[in-house]
C-alpha cells in the first residue's frame, strides 16, 4: 500500500469503529491528545470524552456513509477532507447529519494516528 491508501484505511477504520462501538480500536487509532470539534454543537471533544460516550452508549452511530474523501500529505502529516451522511442515536432520538469533514493524521512509529477532526453541517438544499 502507499501512504495515501494507508491514511484512507485509517480514516475508514475510524468510521467503522464508531459504528461498531469498538472502544479498543478507537483507543489505538486516536492520539492521546486527539480533539474533535463536534458537528452538532461545535463543542470540543477529547479522546477520553468520545471513548467514554461510545462505551456508555450515550451516542450510538447506526450508519456512516463517507464519500468524496481525498488525502493531502505533508511529510508525516496527512489531511483528509470528505463528506459524510451519518445516522446516530442520542438517548432515544435518532438524528441524520450530512457534513463535510476535515481529519488530521500524523505518522507515529509507522502507523497513522488520528489527531484532530472537524465536522461542518451541510445545510438542507
PDB file of N, CA and C in Angstrom:
ATOM      1  N   UNK A   1       0.846  -1.193   0.000  1.00  0.00           N
ATOM      2  CA  UNK A   1       0.000   0.000   0.000  1.00  0.00           C
ATOM      3  C   UNK A   1       0.884   1.247   0.000  1.00  0.00           C
ATOM      4  N   UNK A   2       0.328   2.324  -0.493  1.00  0.00           N
ATOM      5  CA  UNK A   2       1.072   3.572  -0.420  1.00  0.00           C
ATOM      6  C   UNK A   2       0.558   4.397   0.755  1.00  0.00           C
ATOM      7  N   UNK A   3       1.232   5.482   1.039  1.00  0.00           N
ATOM      8  CA  UNK A   3       0.884   6.284   2.217  1.00  0.00           C
ATOM      9  C   UNK A   3      -0.533   6.841   2.125  1.00  0.00           C
ATOM     10  N   UNK A   4      -0.936   7.278   0.952  1.00  0.00           N
ATOM     11  CA  UNK A   4      -2.295   7.812   0.785  1.00  0.00           C
ATOM     12  C   UNK A   4      -3.339   6.739   1.093  1.00  0.00           C
ATOM     13  N   UNK A   5      -3.130   5.538   0.584  1.00  0.00           N
ATOM     14  CA  UNK A   5      -4.049   4.424   0.855  1.00  0.00           C
ATOM     15  C   UNK A   5      -4.079   4.076   2.336  1.00  0.00           C
ATOM     16  N   UNK A   6      -2.917   4.128   2.993  1.00  0.00           N
ATOM     17  CA  UNK A   6      -2.846   3.834   4.426  1.00  0.00           C
ATOM     18  C   UNK A   6      -3.646   4.851   5.242  1.00  0.00           C
ATOM     19  N   UNK A   7      -3.568   6.112   4.856  1.00  0.00           N
ATOM     20  CA  UNK A   7      -4.321   7.157   5.560  1.00  0.00           C
ATOM     21  C   UNK A   7      -5.823   6.940   5.358  1.00  0.00           C
ATOM     22  N   UNK A   8      -6.227   6.670   4.120  1.00  0.00           N
ATOM     23  CA  UNK A   8      -7.651   6.420   3.859  1.00  0.00           C
ATOM     24  C   UNK A   8      -8.151   5.183   4.608  1.00  0.00           C
ATOM     25  N   UNK A   9      -7.291   4.184   4.754  1.00  0.00           N
ATOM     26  CA  UNK A   9      -7.659   2.992   5.525  1.00  0.00           C
ATOM     27  C   UNK A   9      -7.870   3.357   6.995  1.00  0.00           C
ATOM     28  N   UNK A  10      -7.016   4.202   7.548  1.00  0.00           N
ATOM     29  CA  UNK A  10      -7.180   4.649   8.939  1.00  0.00           C
ATOM     30  C   UNK A  10      -8.459   5.463   9.090  1.00  0.00           C
ATOM     31  N   UNK A  11      -8.770   6.288   8.095  1.00  0.00           N
ATOM     32  CA  UNK A  11      -9.994   7.081   8.125  1.00  0.00           C
ATOM     33  C   UNK A  11     -11.228   6.170   8.110  1.00  0.00           C
ATOM     34  N   UNK A  12     -11.220   5.172   7.242  1.00  0.00           N
ATOM     35  CA  UNK A  12     -12.340   4.206   7.199  1.00  0.00           C
ATOM     36  C   UNK A  12     -12.442   3.430   8.509  1.00  0.00           C
ATOM     37  N   UNK A  13     -11.288   3.088   9.096  1.00  0.00           N
ATOM     38  CA  UNK A  13     -11.305   2.349  10.358  1.00  0.00           C
ATOM     39  C   UNK A  13     -11.944   3.169  11.470  1.00  0.00           C
ATOM     40  N   UNK A  14     -11.707   4.479  11.460  1.00  0.00           N
ATOM     41  CA  UNK A  14     -12.347   5.352  12.440  1.00  0.00           C
ATOM     42  C   UNK A  14     -13.866   5.253  12.330  1.00  0.00           C
ATOM     43  N   UNK A  15     -14.381   5.386  11.120  1.00  0.00           N
ATOM     44  CA  UNK A  15     -15.832   5.311  10.937  1.00  0.00           C
ATOM     45  C   UNK A  15     -16.361   3.932  11.330  1.00  0.00           C
ATOM     46  N   UNK A  16     -15.656   2.873  10.951  1.00  0.00           N
ATOM     47  CA  UNK A  16     -16.080   1.516  11.310  1.00  0.00           C
ATOM     48  C   UNK A  16     -16.071   1.322  12.827  1.00  0.00           C
ATOM     49  N   UNK A  17     -15.089   1.906  13.498  1.00  0.00           N
ATOM     50  CA  UNK A  17     -15.006   1.801  14.965  1.00  0.00           C
ATOM     51  C   UNK A  17     -16.176   2.515  15.638  1.00  0.00           C
ATOM     52  N   UNK A  18     -16.590   3.639  15.071  1.00  0.00           N
ATOM     53  CA  UNK A  18     -17.754   4.344  15.616  1.00  0.00           C
ATOM     54  C   UNK A  18     -19.012   3.495  15.463  1.00  0.00           C
ATOM     55  N   UNK A  19     -19.223   2.943  14.267  1.00  0.00           N
ATOM     56  CA  UNK A  19     -20.412   2.121  14.035  1.00  0.00           C
ATOM     57  C   UNK A  19     -20.395   0.882  14.922  1.00  0.00           C
ATOM     58  N   UNK A  20     -19.242   0.261  15.058  1.00  0.00           N
ATOM     59  CA  UNK A  20     -19.126  -0.952  15.868  1.00  0.00           C
ATOM     60  C   UNK A  20     -18.968  -0.700  17.355  1.00  0.00           C
ATOM     61  N   UNK A  21     -18.948   0.577  17.757  1.00  0.00           N
ATOM     62  CA  UNK A  21     -18.724   0.943  19.164  1.00  0.00           C
ATOM     63  C   UNK A  21     -17.490   0.224  19.710  1.00  0.00           C
ATOM     64  N   UNK A  22     -16.438   0.168  18.899  1.00  0.00           N
ATOM     65  CA  UNK A  22     -15.209  -0.550  19.230  1.00  0.00           C
ATOM     66  C   UNK A  22     -14.240   0.395  19.947  1.00  0.00           C
ATOM     67  N   UNK A  23     -14.377   0.479  21.258  1.00  0.00           N
ATOM     68  CA  UNK A  23     -13.555   1.416  22.024  1.00  0.00           C
ATOM     69  C   UNK A  23     -12.093   0.993  22.061  1.00  0.00           C
ATOM     70  N   UNK A  24     -11.819  -0.293  21.964  1.00  0.00           N
ATOM     71  CA  UNK A  24     -10.424  -0.748  21.923  1.00  0.00           C
ATOM     72  C   UNK A  24      -9.746  -0.222  20.659  1.00  0.00           C
ATOM     73  N   UNK A  25     -10.417  -0.325  19.523  1.00  0.00           N
ATOM     74  CA  UNK A  25      -9.860   0.171  18.263  1.00  0.00           C
ATOM     75  C   UNK A  25      -9.741   1.697  18.293  1.00  0.00           C
ATOM     76  N   UNK A  26     -10.741   2.383  18.845  1.00  0.00           N
ATOM     77  CA  UNK A  26     -10.668   3.848  18.959  1.00  0.00           C
ATOM     78  C   UNK A  26      -9.471   4.259  19.804  1.00  0.00           C
ATOM     79  N   UNK A  27      -9.263   3.574  20.916  1.00  0.00           N
ATOM     80  CA  UNK A  27      -8.114   3.892  21.773  1.00  0.00           C
ATOM     81  C   UNK A  27      -6.789   3.722  21.040  1.00  0.00           C
ATOM     82  N   UNK A  28      -6.709   2.736  20.155  1.00  0.00           N
ATOM     83  CA  UNK A  28      -5.470   2.511  19.401  1.00  0.00           C
ATOM     84  C   UNK A  28      -5.297   3.543  18.290  1.00  0.00           C
ATOM     85  N   UNK A  29      -6.373   3.926  17.642  1.00  0.00           N
ATOM     86  CA  UNK A  29      -6.305   4.814  16.484  1.00  0.00           C
ATOM     87  C   UNK A  29      -6.144   6.282  16.870  1.00  0.00           C
ATOM     88  N   UNK A  30      -6.815   6.707  17.937  1.00  0.00           N
ATOM     89  CA  UNK A  30      -6.801   8.119  18.335  1.00  0.00           C
ATOM     90  C   UNK A  30      -5.564   8.434  19.165  1.00  0.00           C
ATOM     91  N   UNK A  31      -4.891   9.531  18.818  1.00  0.00           N
ATOM     92  CA  UNK A  31      -3.770  10.002  19.631  1.00  0.00           C
ATOM     93  C   UNK A  31      -4.294  10.417  21.001  1.00  0.00           C
ATOM     94  N   UNK A  32      -3.450  10.353  22.014  1.00  0.00           N
ATOM     95  CA  UNK A  32      -3.882  10.734  23.361  1.00  0.00           C
ATOM     96  C   UNK A  32      -4.371  12.174  23.422  1.00  0.00           C
ATOM     97  N   UNK A  33      -3.807  13.046  22.574  1.00  0.00           N
ATOM     98  CA  UNK A  33      -4.223  14.454  22.582  1.00  0.00           C
ATOM     99  C   UNK A  33      -5.248  14.765  21.480  1.00  0.00           C
ATOM    100  N   UNK A  34      -5.929  13.728  20.965  1.00  0.00           N
ATOM    101  CA  UNK A  34      -6.961  13.893  19.942  1.00  0.00           C
ATOM    102  C   UNK A  34      -8.026  14.884  20.398  1.00  0.00           C
ATOM    103  N   UNK A  35      -8.455  15.729  19.459  1.00  0.00           N
ATOM    104  CA  UNK A  35      -9.552  16.677  19.706  1.00  0.00           C
ATOM    105  C   UNK A  35     -10.472  16.657  18.496  1.00  0.00           C
ATOM    106  N   UNK A  36     -11.767  16.568  18.775  1.00  0.00           N
ATOM    107  CA  UNK A  36     -12.778  16.625  17.734  1.00  0.00           C
ATOM    108  C   UNK A  36     -13.664  17.832  17.980  1.00  0.00           C
ATOM    109  N   UNK A  37     -13.987  18.560  16.921  1.00  0.00           N
ATOM    110  CA  UNK A  37     -14.981  19.619  17.017  1.00  0.00           C
ATOM    111  C   UNK A  37     -16.285  18.993  16.532  1.00  0.00           C
ATOM    112  N   UNK A  38     -17.210  18.854  17.449  1.00  0.00           N
ATOM    113  CA  UNK A  38     -18.489  18.171  17.266  1.00  0.00           C
ATOM    114  C   UNK A  38     -19.318  18.824  16.157  1.00  0.00           C
ATOM    115  N   UNK A  39     -19.818  18.013  15.227  1.00  0.00           N
ATOM    116  CA  UNK A  39     -20.608  18.512  14.106  1.00  0.00           C
ATOM    117  C   UNK A  39     -21.967  19.061  14.553  1.00  0.00           C
ATOM    118  N   UNK A  40     -22.471  18.599  15.676  1.00  0.00           N
ATOM    119  CA  UNK A  40     -23.807  19.019  16.126  1.00  0.00           C
ATOM    120  C   UNK A  40     -23.774  20.347  16.889  1.00  0.00           C
ATOM    121  N   UNK A  41     -22.773  20.513  17.763  1.00  0.00           N
ATOM    122  CA  UNK A  41     -22.761  21.682  18.651  1.00  0.00           C
ATOM    123  C   UNK A  41     -21.545  22.584  18.470  1.00  0.00           C
ATOM    124  N   UNK A  42     -20.540  22.108  17.757  1.00  0.00           N
ATOM    125  CA  UNK A  42     -19.307  22.875  17.626  1.00  0.00           C
ATOM    126  C   UNK A  42     -18.447  22.817  18.873  1.00  0.00           C
ATOM    127  N   UNK A  43     -18.761  21.904  19.790  1.00  0.00           N
ATOM    128  CA  UNK A  43     -18.006  21.764  21.040  1.00  0.00           C
ATOM    129  C   UNK A  43     -16.753  20.924  20.808  1.00  0.00           C
ATOM    130  N   UNK A  44     -15.709  21.184  21.587  1.00  0.00           N
ATOM    131  CA  UNK A  44     -14.517  20.352  21.552  1.00  0.00           C
ATOM    132  C   UNK A  44     -14.752  19.092  22.374  1.00  0.00           C
ATOM    133  N   UNK A  45     -14.341  17.961  21.813  1.00  0.00           N
ATOM    134  CA  UNK A  45     -14.494  16.670  22.477  1.00  0.00           C
ATOM    135  C   UNK A  45     -13.130  15.991  22.471  1.00  0.00           C
ATOM    136  N   UNK A  46     -12.652  15.605  23.632  1.00  0.00           N
ATOM    137  CA  UNK A  46     -11.357  14.930  23.737  1.00  0.00           C
ATOM    138  C   UNK A  46     -11.503  13.436  23.423  1.00  0.00           C
ATOM    139  N   UNK A  47     -10.378  12.775  23.282  1.00  0.00           N
ATOM    140  CA  UNK A  47     -10.368  11.326  23.094  1.00  0.00           C
ATOM    141  C   UNK A  47     -11.110  10.648  24.243  1.00  0.00           C
ATOM    142  N   UNK A  48     -10.772  11.016  25.458  1.00  0.00           N
ATOM    143  CA  UNK A  48     -11.389  10.381  26.630  1.00  0.00           C
ATOM    144  C   UNK A  48     -12.907  10.581  26.632  1.00  0.00           C
ATOM    145  N   UNK A  49     -13.345  11.770  26.283  1.00  0.00           N
ATOM    146  CA  UNK A  49     -14.789  12.057  26.266  1.00  0.00           C
ATOM    147  C   UNK A  49     -15.500  11.269  25.172  1.00  0.00           C
ATOM    148  N   UNK A  50     -14.893  11.197  23.983  1.00  0.00           N
ATOM    149  CA  UNK A  50     -15.510  10.449  22.885  1.00  0.00           C
ATOM    150  C   UNK A  50     -15.592   8.966  23.227  1.00  0.00           C
ATOM    151  N   UNK A  51     -14.491   8.397  23.673  1.00  0.00           N
ATOM    152  CA  UNK A  51     -14.468   6.970  24.005  1.00  0.00           C
ATOM    153  C   UNK A  51     -15.462   6.660  25.123  1.00  0.00           C
ATOM    154  N   UNK A  52     -15.539   7.503  26.132  1.00  0.00           N
ATOM    155  CA  UNK A  52     -16.473   7.286  27.241  1.00  0.00           C
ATOM    156  C   UNK A  52     -17.928   7.347  26.763  1.00  0.00           C
ATOM    157  N   UNK A  53     -18.240   8.294  25.878  1.00  0.00           N
ATOM    158  CA  UNK A  53     -19.609   8.422  25.365  1.00  0.00           C
ATOM    159  C   UNK A  53     -20.006   7.203  24.540  1.00  0.00           C
ATOM    160  N   UNK A  54     -19.067   6.702  23.739  1.00  0.00           N
ATOM    161  CA  UNK A  54     -19.335   5.498  22.930  1.00  0.00           C
ATOM    162  C   UNK A  54     -19.498   4.293  23.850  1.00  0.00           C
ATOM    163  N   UNK A  55     -18.584   4.146  24.800  1.00  0.00           N
ATOM    164  CA  UNK A  55     -18.604   2.995  25.712  1.00  0.00           C
ATOM    165  C   UNK A  55     -19.872   2.958  26.552  1.00  0.00           C
ATOM    166  N   UNK A  56     -20.341   4.112  27.002  1.00  0.00           N
ATOM    167  CA  UNK A  56     -21.546   4.193  27.839  1.00  0.00           C
ATOM    168  C   UNK A  56     -22.836   4.128  27.020  1.00  0.00           C
ATOM    169  N   UNK A  57     -22.713   4.160  25.695  1.00  0.00           N
ATOM    170  CA  UNK A  57     -23.909   4.138  24.854  1.00  0.00           C
ATOM    171  C   UNK A  57     -24.648   5.464  24.811  1.00  0.00           C
ATOM    172  N   UNK A  58     -23.986   6.546  25.237  1.00  0.00           N
ATOM    173  CA  UNK A  58     -24.636   7.858  25.204  1.00  0.00           C
ATOM    174  C   UNK A  58     -24.872   8.319  23.768  1.00  0.00           C
ATOM    175  N   UNK A  59     -23.999   7.893  22.883  1.00  0.00           N
ATOM    176  CA  UNK A  59     -24.165   8.143  21.457  1.00  0.00           C
ATOM    177  C   UNK A  59     -23.918   6.818  20.739  1.00  0.00           C
ATOM    178  N   UNK A  60     -24.761   6.534  19.763  1.00  0.00           N
ATOM    179  CA  UNK A  60     -24.636   5.282  19.002  1.00  0.00           C
ATOM    180  C   UNK A  60     -24.710   5.627  17.522  1.00  0.00           C
ATOM    181  N   UNK A  61     -23.650   5.313  16.792  1.00  0.00           N
ATOM    182  CA  UNK A  61     -23.619   5.563  15.360  1.00  0.00           C
ATOM    183  C   UNK A  61     -24.223   4.349  14.662  1.00  0.00           C
ATOM    184  N   UNK A  62     -25.336   4.565  13.976  1.00  0.00           N
ATOM    185  CA  UNK A  62     -26.037   3.468  13.316  1.00  0.00           C
ATOM    186  C   UNK A  62     -25.554   3.274  11.883  1.00  0.00           C
ATOM    187  N   UNK A  63     -25.185   4.356  11.208  1.00  0.00           N
ATOM    188  CA  UNK A  63     -24.697   4.267   9.832  1.00  0.00           C
ATOM    189  C   UNK A  63     -23.852   5.497   9.529  1.00  0.00           C
ATOM    190  N   UNK A  64     -22.784   5.297   8.781  1.00  0.00           N
ATOM    191  CA  UNK A  64     -21.945   6.403   8.308  1.00  0.00           C
ATOM    192  C   UNK A  64     -21.558   6.091   6.872  1.00  0.00           C
ATOM    193  N   UNK A  65     -21.938   6.977   5.974  1.00  0.00           N
ATOM    194  CA  UNK A  65     -21.518   6.857   4.583  1.00  0.00           C
ATOM    195  C   UNK A  65     -20.541   7.990   4.302  1.00  0.00           C
ATOM    196  N   UNK A  66     -19.295   7.637   4.042  1.00  0.00           N
ATOM    197  CA  UNK A  66     -18.254   8.629   3.751  1.00  0.00           C
ATOM    198  C   UNK A  66     -17.961   8.604   2.257  1.00  0.00           C
ATOM    199  N   UNK A  67     -17.994   9.784   1.643  1.00  0.00           N
ATOM    200  CA  UNK A  67     -17.740   9.901   0.208  1.00  0.00           C
ATOM    201  C   UNK A  67     -16.839  11.100  -0.050  1.00  0.00           C
ATOM    202  N   UNK A  68     -16.410  11.214  -1.283  1.00  0.00           N
ATOM    203  CA  UNK A  68     -15.636  12.362  -1.737  1.00  0.00           C
ATOM    204  C   UNK A  68     -14.384  12.621  -0.899  1.00  0.00           C
ATOM    205  N   UNK A  69     -13.829  11.562  -0.290  1.00  0.00           N
ATOM    206  CA  UNK A  69     -12.657  11.784   0.563  1.00  0.00           C
ATOM    207  C   UNK A  69     -11.389  11.826  -0.269  1.00  0.00           C
ATOM    208  N   UNK A  70     -10.526  12.751   0.104  1.00  0.00           N
ATOM    209  CA  UNK A  70      -9.241  12.916  -0.571  1.00  0.00           C
ATOM    210  C   UNK A  70      -8.180  13.235   0.474  1.00  0.00           C
ATOM    211  N   UNK A  71      -6.961  12.851   0.164  1.00  0.00           N
ATOM    212  CA  UNK A  71      -5.846  12.989   1.110  1.00  0.00           C
ATOM    213  C   UNK A  71      -4.824  13.964   0.545  1.00  0.00           C
ATOM    214  N   UNK A  72      -4.297  14.806   1.436  1.00  0.00           N
ATOM    215  CA  UNK A  72      -3.126  15.628   1.126  1.00  0.00           C
ATOM    216  C   UNK A  72      -2.057  15.264   2.133  1.00  0.00           C
ATOM    217  N   UNK A  73      -0.867  14.953   1.641  1.00  0.00           N
ATOM    218  CA  UNK A  73       0.233  14.523   2.503  1.00  0.00           C
ATOM    219  C   UNK A  73       1.242  15.646   2.683  1.00  0.00           C
ATOM    220  N   UNK A  74       1.744  15.782   3.926  1.00  0.00           N
ATOM    221  CA  UNK A  74       2.753  16.777   4.281  1.00  0.00           C
ATOM    222  C   UNK A  74       3.781  16.098   5.178  1.00  0.00           C
ATOM    223  N   UNK A  75       4.705  15.359   4.593  1.00  0.00           N
ATOM    224  CA  UNK A  75       5.686  14.629   5.394  1.00  0.00           C
ATOM    225  C   UNK A  75       4.996  13.571   6.230  1.00  0.00           C
ATOM    226  N   UNK A  76       5.103  13.697   7.556  1.00  0.00           N
ATOM    227  CA  UNK A  76       4.471  12.743   8.468  1.00  0.00           C
ATOM    228  C   UNK A  76       3.099  13.204   8.934  1.00  0.00           C
ATOM    229  N   UNK A  77       2.478  14.106   8.188  1.00  0.00           N
ATOM    230  CA  UNK A  77       1.115  14.564   8.486  1.00  0.00           C
ATOM    231  C   UNK A  77       0.248  14.376   7.246  1.00  0.00           C
ATOM    232  N   UNK A  78      -1.027  14.134   7.469  1.00  0.00           N
ATOM    233  CA  UNK A  78      -1.978  13.972   6.367  1.00  0.00           C
ATOM    234  C   UNK A  78      -3.294  14.623   6.755  1.00  0.00           C
ATOM    235  N   UNK A  79      -3.910  15.278   5.777  1.00  0.00           N
ATOM    236  CA  UNK A  79      -5.215  15.902   5.955  1.00  0.00           C
ATOM    237  C   UNK A  79      -6.192  15.207   5.015  1.00  0.00           C
ATOM    238  N   UNK A  80      -7.305  14.745   5.576  1.00  0.00           N
ATOM    239  CA  UNK A  80      -8.351  14.109   4.785  1.00  0.00           C
ATOM    240  C   UNK A  80      -9.571  15.021   4.816  1.00  0.00           C
ATOM    241  N   UNK A  81     -10.081  15.353   3.635  1.00  0.00           N
ATOM    242  CA  UNK A  81     -11.333  16.088   3.527  1.00  0.00           C
ATOM    243  C   UNK A  81     -12.340  15.165   2.854  1.00  0.00           C
ATOM    244  N   UNK A  82     -13.576  15.231   3.309  1.00  0.00           N
ATOM    245  CA  UNK A  82     -14.602  14.379   2.720  1.00  0.00           C
ATOM    246  C   UNK A  82     -15.987  14.830   3.103  1.00  0.00           C
ATOM    247  N   UNK A  83     -16.918  13.977   2.784  1.00  0.00           N
ATOM    248  CA  UNK A  83     -18.333  14.253   3.038  1.00  0.00           C
ATOM    249  C   UNK A  83     -18.926  13.018   3.712  1.00  0.00           C
ATOM    250  N   UNK A  84     -19.797  13.233   4.666  1.00  0.00           N
ATOM    251  CA  UNK A  84     -20.452  12.102   5.328  1.00  0.00           C
ATOM    252  C   UNK A  84     -21.952  12.331   5.423  1.00  0.00           C
ATOM    253  N   UNK A  85     -22.645  11.221   5.504  1.00  0.00           N
ATOM    254  CA  UNK A  85     -24.031  11.208   5.962  1.00  0.00           C
ATOM    255  C   UNK A  85     -24.057  10.200   7.096  1.00  0.00           C
ATOM    256  N   UNK A  86     -24.401  10.685   8.295  1.00  0.00           N
ATOM    257  CA  UNK A  86     -24.361   9.838   9.488  1.00  0.00           C
ATOM    258  C   UNK A  86     -25.746   9.763  10.115  1.00  0.00           C
ATOM    259  N   UNK A  87     -26.098   8.559  10.542  1.00  0.00           N
ATOM    260  CA  UNK A  87     -27.314   8.377  11.335  1.00  0.00           C
ATOM    261  C   UNK A  87     -26.858   7.939  12.715  1.00  0.00           C
ATOM    262  N   UNK A  88     -27.238   8.721  13.714  1.00  0.00           N
ATOM    263  CA  UNK A  88     -26.804   8.413  15.074  1.00  0.00           C
ATOM    264  C   UNK A  88     -27.944   8.579  16.053  1.00  0.00           C
ATOM    265  N   UNK A  89     -27.786   7.948  17.193  1.00  0.00           N
ATOM    266  CA  UNK A  89     -28.808   7.991  18.233  1.00  0.00           C
ATOM    267  C   UNK A  89     -28.215   8.623  19.491  1.00  0.00           C
ATOM    268  N   UNK A  90     -28.903   9.629  20.000  1.00  0.00           N
ATOM    269  CA  UNK A  90     -28.574  10.252  21.288  1.00  0.00           C
ATOM    270  C   UNK A  90     -29.739   9.948  22.205  1.00  0.00           C
ATOM    271  N   UNK A  91     -29.510   9.115  23.206  1.00  0.00           N
ATOM    272  CA  UNK A  91     -30.634   8.729  24.061  1.00  0.00           C
ATOM    273  C   UNK A  91     -31.676   8.036  23.203  1.00  0.00           C
ATOM    274  N   UNK A  92     -32.888   8.565  23.190  1.00  0.00           N
ATOM    275  CA  UNK A  92     -33.958   7.977  22.387  1.00  0.00           C
ATOM    276  C   UNK A  92     -34.157   8.647  21.048  1.00  0.00           C
ATOM    277  N   UNK A  93     -33.366   9.649  20.716  1.00  0.00           N
ATOM    278  CA  UNK A  93     -33.545  10.396  19.471  1.00  0.00           C
ATOM    279  C   UNK A  93     -32.569   9.936  18.400  1.00  0.00           C
ATOM    280  N   UNK A  94     -33.091   9.706  17.205  1.00  0.00           N
ATOM    281  CA  UNK A  94     -32.248   9.383  16.062  1.00  0.00           C
ATOM    282  C   UNK A  94     -32.135  10.624  15.196  1.00  0.00           C
ATOM    283  N   UNK A  95     -30.913  10.933  14.793  1.00  0.00           N
ATOM    284  CA  UNK A  95     -30.624  12.128  14.010  1.00  0.00           C
ATOM    285  C   UNK A  95     -29.806  11.715  12.795  1.00  0.00           C
ATOM    286  N   UNK A  96     -30.099  12.332  11.644  1.00  0.00           N
ATOM    287  CA  UNK A  96     -29.277  12.150  10.456  1.00  0.00           C
ATOM    288  C   UNK A  96     -28.597  13.482  10.162  1.00  0.00           C
ATOM    289  N   UNK A  97     -27.285  13.434   9.979  1.00  0.00           N
ATOM    290  CA  UNK A  97     -26.490  14.637   9.747  1.00  0.00           C
ATOM    291  C   UNK A  97     -25.683  14.456   8.474  1.00  0.00           C
ATOM    292  N   UNK A  98     -25.746  15.431   7.597  1.00  0.00           N
ATOM    293  CA  UNK A  98     -24.892  15.482   6.418  1.00  0.00           C
ATOM    294  C   UNK A  98     -23.823  16.521   6.707  1.00  0.00           C
ATOM    295  N   UNK A  99     -22.555  16.167   6.460  1.00  0.00           N
ATOM    296  CA  UNK A  99     -21.477  17.105   6.799  1.00  0.00           C
ATOM    297  C   UNK A  99     -20.298  16.986   5.852  1.00  0.00           C
ATOM    298  N   UNK A 100     -19.478  18.010   5.876  1.00  0.00           N
ATOM    299  CA  UNK A 100     -18.134  17.988   5.311  1.00  0.00           C
ATOM    300  C   UNK A 100     -17.201  17.815   6.505  1.00  0.00           C
ATOM    301  N   UNK A 101     -16.133  17.088   6.302  1.00  0.00           N
ATOM    302  CA  UNK A 101     -15.225  16.878   7.426  1.00  0.00           C
ATOM    303  C   UNK A 101     -13.779  17.096   7.030  1.00  0.00           C
ATOM    304  N   UNK A 102     -12.991  17.426   8.051  1.00  0.00           N
ATOM    305  CA  UNK A 102     -11.538  17.506   7.937  1.00  0.00           C
ATOM    306  C   UNK A 102     -10.958  16.647   9.051  1.00  0.00           C
ATOM    307  N   UNK A 103     -10.136  15.677   8.680  1.00  0.00           N
ATOM    308  CA  UNK A 103      -9.450  14.805   9.635  1.00  0.00           C
ATOM    309  C   UNK A 103      -7.955  14.986   9.460  1.00  0.00           C
ATOM    310  N   UNK A 104      -7.223  15.072  10.558  1.00  0.00           N
ATOM    311  CA  UNK A 104      -5.771  15.231  10.518  1.00  0.00           C
ATOM    312  C   UNK A 104      -5.133  14.016  11.186  1.00  0.00           C
ATOM    313  N   UNK A 105      -4.182  13.420  10.471  1.00  0.00           N
ATOM    314  CA  UNK A 105      -3.443  12.256  10.964  1.00  0.00           C
ATOM    315  C   UNK A 105      -1.959  12.589  10.996  1.00  0.00           C
ATOM    316  N   UNK A 106      -1.244  11.965  11.929  1.00  0.00           N
ATOM    317  CA  UNK A 106       0.215  12.039  11.934  1.00  0.00           C
ATOM    318  C   UNK A 106       0.762  10.618  11.959  1.00  0.00           C
ATOM    319  N   UNK A 107       1.911  10.440  11.326  1.00  0.00           N
ATOM    320  CA  UNK A 107       2.542   9.117  11.321  1.00  0.00           C
ATOM    321  C   UNK A 107       3.475   9.032  12.511  1.00  0.00           C
ATOM    322  N   UNK A 108       3.189   8.080  13.365  1.00  0.00           N
ATOM    323  CA  UNK A 108       3.990   7.835  14.570  1.00  0.00           C
ATOM    324  C   UNK A 108       4.318   6.358  14.623  1.00  0.00           C
ATOM    325  N   UNK A 109       5.604   6.050  14.683  1.00  0.00           N
ATOM    326  CA  UNK A 109       6.054   4.654  14.753  1.00  0.00           C
ATOM    327  C   UNK A 109       5.442   3.813  13.636  1.00  0.00           C
ATOM    328  N   UNK A 110       5.456   4.345  12.422  1.00  0.00           N
ATOM    329  CA  UNK A 110       4.980   3.656  11.215  1.00  0.00           C
ATOM    330  C   UNK A 110       3.484   3.375  11.164  1.00  0.00           C
ATOM    331  N   UNK A 111       2.700   4.014  12.029  1.00  0.00           N
ATOM    332  CA  UNK A 111       1.248   3.911  11.926  1.00  0.00           C
ATOM    333  C   UNK A 111       0.664   5.324  11.880  1.00  0.00           C
ATOM    334  N   UNK A 112      -0.494   5.444  11.283  1.00  0.00           N
ATOM    335  CA  UNK A 112      -1.170   6.737  11.211  1.00  0.00           C
ATOM    336  C   UNK A 112      -2.083   6.883  12.407  1.00  0.00           C
ATOM    337  N   UNK A 113      -1.847   7.927  13.205  1.00  0.00           N
ATOM    338  CA  UNK A 113      -2.699   8.222  14.356  1.00  0.00           C
ATOM    339  C   UNK A 113      -3.555   9.431  14.040  1.00  0.00           C
ATOM    340  N   UNK A 114      -4.774   9.363  14.501  1.00  0.00           N
ATOM    341  CA  UNK A 114      -5.765  10.399  14.263  1.00  0.00           C
ATOM    342  C   UNK A 114      -5.611  11.449  15.367  1.00  0.00           C
ATOM    343  N   UNK A 115      -5.339  12.707  14.984  1.00  0.00           N
ATOM    344  CA  UNK A 115      -5.081  13.743  15.984  1.00  0.00           C
ATOM    345  C   UNK A 115      -6.159  14.812  16.073  1.00  0.00           C
ATOM    346  N   UNK A 116      -6.917  15.042  14.980  1.00  0.00           N
ATOM    347  CA  UNK A 116      -7.893  16.115  15.021  1.00  0.00           C
ATOM    348  C   UNK A 116      -8.999  15.874  13.995  1.00  0.00           C
ATOM    349  N   UNK A 117     -10.222  16.261  14.375  1.00  0.00           N
ATOM    350  CA  UNK A 117     -11.378  16.110  13.484  1.00  0.00           C
ATOM    351  C   UNK A 117     -12.284  17.327  13.615  1.00  0.00           C
ATOM    352  N   UNK A 118     -12.842  17.727  12.500  1.00  0.00           N
ATOM    353  CA  UNK A 118     -13.822  18.826  12.499  1.00  0.00           C
ATOM    354  C   UNK A 118     -14.907  18.469  11.508  1.00  0.00           C
ATOM    355  N   UNK A 119     -16.150  18.607  11.928  1.00  0.00           N
ATOM    356  CA  UNK A 119     -17.288  18.391  11.040  1.00  0.00           C
ATOM    357  C   UNK A 119     -18.092  19.666  10.909  1.00  0.00           C
ATOM    358  N   UNK A 120     -18.543  19.949   9.687  1.00  0.00           N
ATOM    359  CA  UNK A 120     -19.371  21.120   9.427  1.00  0.00           C
ATOM    360  C   UNK A 120     -20.655  20.653   8.765  1.00  0.00           C
ATOM    361  N   UNK A 121     -21.814  20.948   9.353  1.00  0.00           N
ATOM    362  CA  UNK A 121     -23.075  20.503   8.748  1.00  0.00           C
ATOM    363  C   UNK A 121     -23.274  21.091   7.355  1.00  0.00           C
ATOM    364  N   UNK A 122     -23.892  20.315   6.495  1.00  0.00           N
ATOM    365  CA  UNK A 122     -24.283  20.789   5.185  1.00  0.00           C
ATOM    366  C   UNK A 122     -25.755  21.197   5.285  1.00  0.00           C
ATOM    367  N   UNK A 123     -26.048  22.424   4.931  1.00  0.00           N
ATOM    368  CA  UNK A 123     -27.421  22.925   5.016  1.00  0.00           C
ATOM    369  C   UNK A 123     -28.330  22.154   4.046  1.00  0.00           C
ATOM    370  N   UNK A 124     -29.569  21.928   4.453  1.00  0.00           N
ATOM    371  CA  UNK A 124     -30.517  21.272   3.533  1.00  0.00           C
ATOM    372  C   UNK A 124     -30.686  22.096   2.254  1.00  0.00           C
ATOM    373  N   UNK A 125     -30.847  21.384   1.160  1.00  0.00           N
ATOM    374  CA  UNK A 125     -30.994  22.070  -0.129  1.00  0.00           C
ATOM    375  C   UNK A 125     -32.406  22.543  -0.338  1.00  0.00           C
TER     376      UNK A 125
END
